[in-house]
C-alpha cells in the first residue's frame, strides 16, 4: 500500500514555482533601474580642452596629440619614438 501523505501533487509543485516566479518578478520591478539609465556626463569645465589626462604620468608612443596634455602635480609626460 502506498503512502498517500508522501506523494506530492503536480498542482502543488506548479503553484510553488509560480509563487517563486512572481516574487522574483516583483523584486525586479521594484528595483530603481530608471535612475541608472538617466545619468548624464559630468561637466568637465577647464579639463574639456585637454586631449589626454593622466594621473601620475602619461606616456605617448610614436603619436601626436592635438591639444593639451595634463598630469597630476609633479607628474611626468614622456614621448617615445617606438
C-alpha atoms as a PDB file:
ATOM      1  CA  UNK A   1       0.000   0.000   0.000  1.00  0.00           C
ATOM      2  CA  UNK A   2       1.428   3.395  -0.968  1.00  0.00           C
ATOM      3  CA  UNK A   3       1.832   6.203   1.490  1.00  0.00           C
ATOM      4  CA  UNK A   4      -0.642   8.862   0.343  1.00  0.00           C
ATOM      5  CA  UNK A   5       0.847  11.599   2.526  1.00  0.00           C
ATOM      6  CA  UNK A   6       4.304  11.422   0.930  1.00  0.00           C
ATOM      7  CA  UNK A   7       3.018  11.854  -2.625  1.00  0.00           C
ATOM      8  CA  UNK A   8       3.233  15.411  -3.984  1.00  0.00           C
ATOM      9  CA  UNK A   9       0.571  16.611  -6.333  1.00  0.00           C
ATOM     10  CA  UNK A  10       1.643  18.296  -9.602  1.00  0.00           C
ATOM     11  CA  UNK A  11      -0.633  21.232  -8.808  1.00  0.00           C
ATOM     12  CA  UNK A  12       1.250  21.999  -5.576  1.00  0.00           C
ATOM     13  CA  UNK A  13       4.593  21.905  -7.384  1.00  0.00           C
ATOM     14  CA  UNK A  14       3.294  24.236 -10.108  1.00  0.00           C
ATOM     15  CA  UNK A  15       1.850  26.616  -7.547  1.00  0.00           C
ATOM     16  CA  UNK A  16       5.094  26.846  -5.596  1.00  0.00           C
ATOM     17  CA  UNK A  17       7.071  27.560  -8.785  1.00  0.00           C
ATOM     18  CA  UNK A  18       4.564  30.228  -9.781  1.00  0.00           C
ATOM     19  CA  UNK A  19       4.839  31.905  -6.377  1.00  0.00           C
ATOM     20  CA  UNK A  20       8.643  31.999  -6.633  1.00  0.00           C
ATOM     21  CA  UNK A  21       8.465  33.399 -10.176  1.00  0.00           C
ATOM     22  CA  UNK A  22       6.041  36.155  -9.145  1.00  0.00           C
ATOM     23  CA  UNK A  23       8.230  37.011  -6.140  1.00  0.00           C
ATOM     24  CA  UNK A  24      11.367  37.484  -8.269  1.00  0.00           C
ATOM     25  CA  UNK A  25       9.424  39.439 -10.901  1.00  0.00           C
ATOM     26  CA  UNK A  26       8.193  41.795  -8.168  1.00  0.00           C
ATOM     27  CA  UNK A  27      11.760  42.287  -6.919  1.00  0.00           C
ATOM     28  CA  UNK A  28      12.980  43.163 -10.410  1.00  0.00           C
ATOM     29  CA  UNK A  29      10.161  45.638 -10.950  1.00  0.00           C
ATOM     30  CA  UNK A  30      10.806  47.287  -7.589  1.00  0.00           C
ATOM     31  CA  UNK A  31      14.488  47.999  -8.366  1.00  0.00           C
ATOM     32  CA  UNK A  32      15.117  51.615  -9.480  1.00  0.00           C
ATOM     33  CA  UNK A  33      16.658  50.925 -12.891  1.00  0.00           C
ATOM     34  CA  UNK A  34      15.471  54.224 -14.344  1.00  0.00           C
ATOM     35  CA  UNK A  35      17.937  56.228 -12.224  1.00  0.00           C
ATOM     36  CA  UNK A  36      20.937  54.349 -13.619  1.00  0.00           C
ATOM     37  CA  UNK A  37      19.803  54.876 -17.199  1.00  0.00           C
ATOM     38  CA  UNK A  38      19.173  58.612 -16.794  1.00  0.00           C
ATOM     39  CA  UNK A  39      22.682  59.688 -15.782  1.00  0.00           C
ATOM     40  CA  UNK A  40      24.378  62.413 -17.809  1.00  0.00           C
ATOM     41  CA  UNK A  41      28.063  63.057 -18.436  1.00  0.00           C
ATOM     42  CA  UNK A  42      29.742  65.292 -15.827  1.00  0.00           C
ATOM     43  CA  UNK A  43      30.717  68.853 -16.721  1.00  0.00           C
ATOM     44  CA  UNK A  44      34.495  68.964 -17.287  1.00  0.00           C
ATOM     45  CA  UNK A  45      34.844  72.783 -17.088  1.00  0.00           C
ATOM     46  CA  UNK A  46      38.555  73.612 -17.667  1.00  0.00           C
ATOM     47  CA  UNK A  47      39.529  69.992 -18.350  1.00  0.00           C
ATOM     48  CA  UNK A  48      37.476  69.921 -21.572  1.00  0.00           C
ATOM     49  CA  UNK A  49      40.368  71.495 -23.546  1.00  0.00           C
ATOM     50  CA  UNK A  50      42.762  68.642 -22.725  1.00  0.00           C
ATOM     51  CA  UNK A  51      43.381  65.852 -25.252  1.00  0.00           C
ATOM     52  CA  UNK A  52      44.980  63.484 -22.726  1.00  0.00           C
ATOM     53  CA  UNK A  53      44.595  63.448 -18.952  1.00  0.00           C
ATOM     54  CA  UNK A  54      46.623  61.133 -16.736  1.00  0.00           C
ATOM     55  CA  UNK A  55      47.288  60.532 -13.067  1.00  0.00           C
ATOM     56  CA  UNK A  56      50.987  60.498 -12.158  1.00  0.00           C
ATOM     57  CA  UNK A  57      52.250  60.004 -15.739  1.00  0.00           C
ATOM     58  CA  UNK A  58      51.290  59.999 -19.424  1.00  0.00           C
ATOM     59  CA  UNK A  59      53.368  58.065 -21.958  1.00  0.00           C
ATOM     60  CA  UNK A  60      52.963  58.788 -25.659  1.00  0.00           C
ATOM     61  CA  UNK A  61      54.408  56.216 -28.040  1.00  0.00           C
ATOM     62  CA  UNK A  62      55.011  57.478 -31.565  1.00  0.00           C
ATOM     63  CA  UNK A  63      51.847  59.551 -31.634  1.00  0.00           C
ATOM     64  CA  UNK A  64      50.858  63.150 -31.944  1.00  0.00           C
ATOM     65  CA  UNK A  65      48.473  64.884 -29.564  1.00  0.00           C
ATOM     66  CA  UNK A  66      46.493  67.854 -30.824  1.00  0.00           C
ATOM     67  CA  UNK A  67      45.803  69.754 -27.608  1.00  0.00           C
ATOM     68  CA  UNK A  68      46.960  69.940 -24.035  1.00  0.00           C
ATOM     69  CA  UNK A  69      48.314  67.009 -22.023  1.00  0.00           C
ATOM     70  CA  UNK A  70      47.539  67.066 -18.314  1.00  0.00           C
ATOM     71  CA  UNK A  71      49.081  65.113 -15.450  1.00  0.00           C
ATOM     72  CA  UNK A  72      48.918  65.258 -11.675  1.00  0.00           C
ATOM     73  CA  UNK A  73      51.057  67.856  -9.901  1.00  0.00           C
ATOM     74  CA  UNK A  74      54.699  66.775 -10.259  1.00  0.00           C
ATOM     75  CA  UNK A  75      53.758  64.215 -12.899  1.00  0.00           C
ATOM     76  CA  UNK A  76      55.755  63.163 -15.959  1.00  0.00           C
ATOM     77  CA  UNK A  77      54.927  63.307 -19.665  1.00  0.00           C
ATOM     78  CA  UNK A  78      57.136  61.004 -21.733  1.00  0.00           C
ATOM     79  CA  UNK A  79      57.318  60.769 -25.536  1.00  0.00           C
ATOM     80  CA  UNK A  80      58.950  57.762 -27.147  1.00  0.00           C
ATOM     81  CA  UNK A  81      59.532  57.098 -30.875  1.00  0.00           C
ATOM     82  CA  UNK A  82      58.781  53.337 -30.854  1.00  0.00           C
END
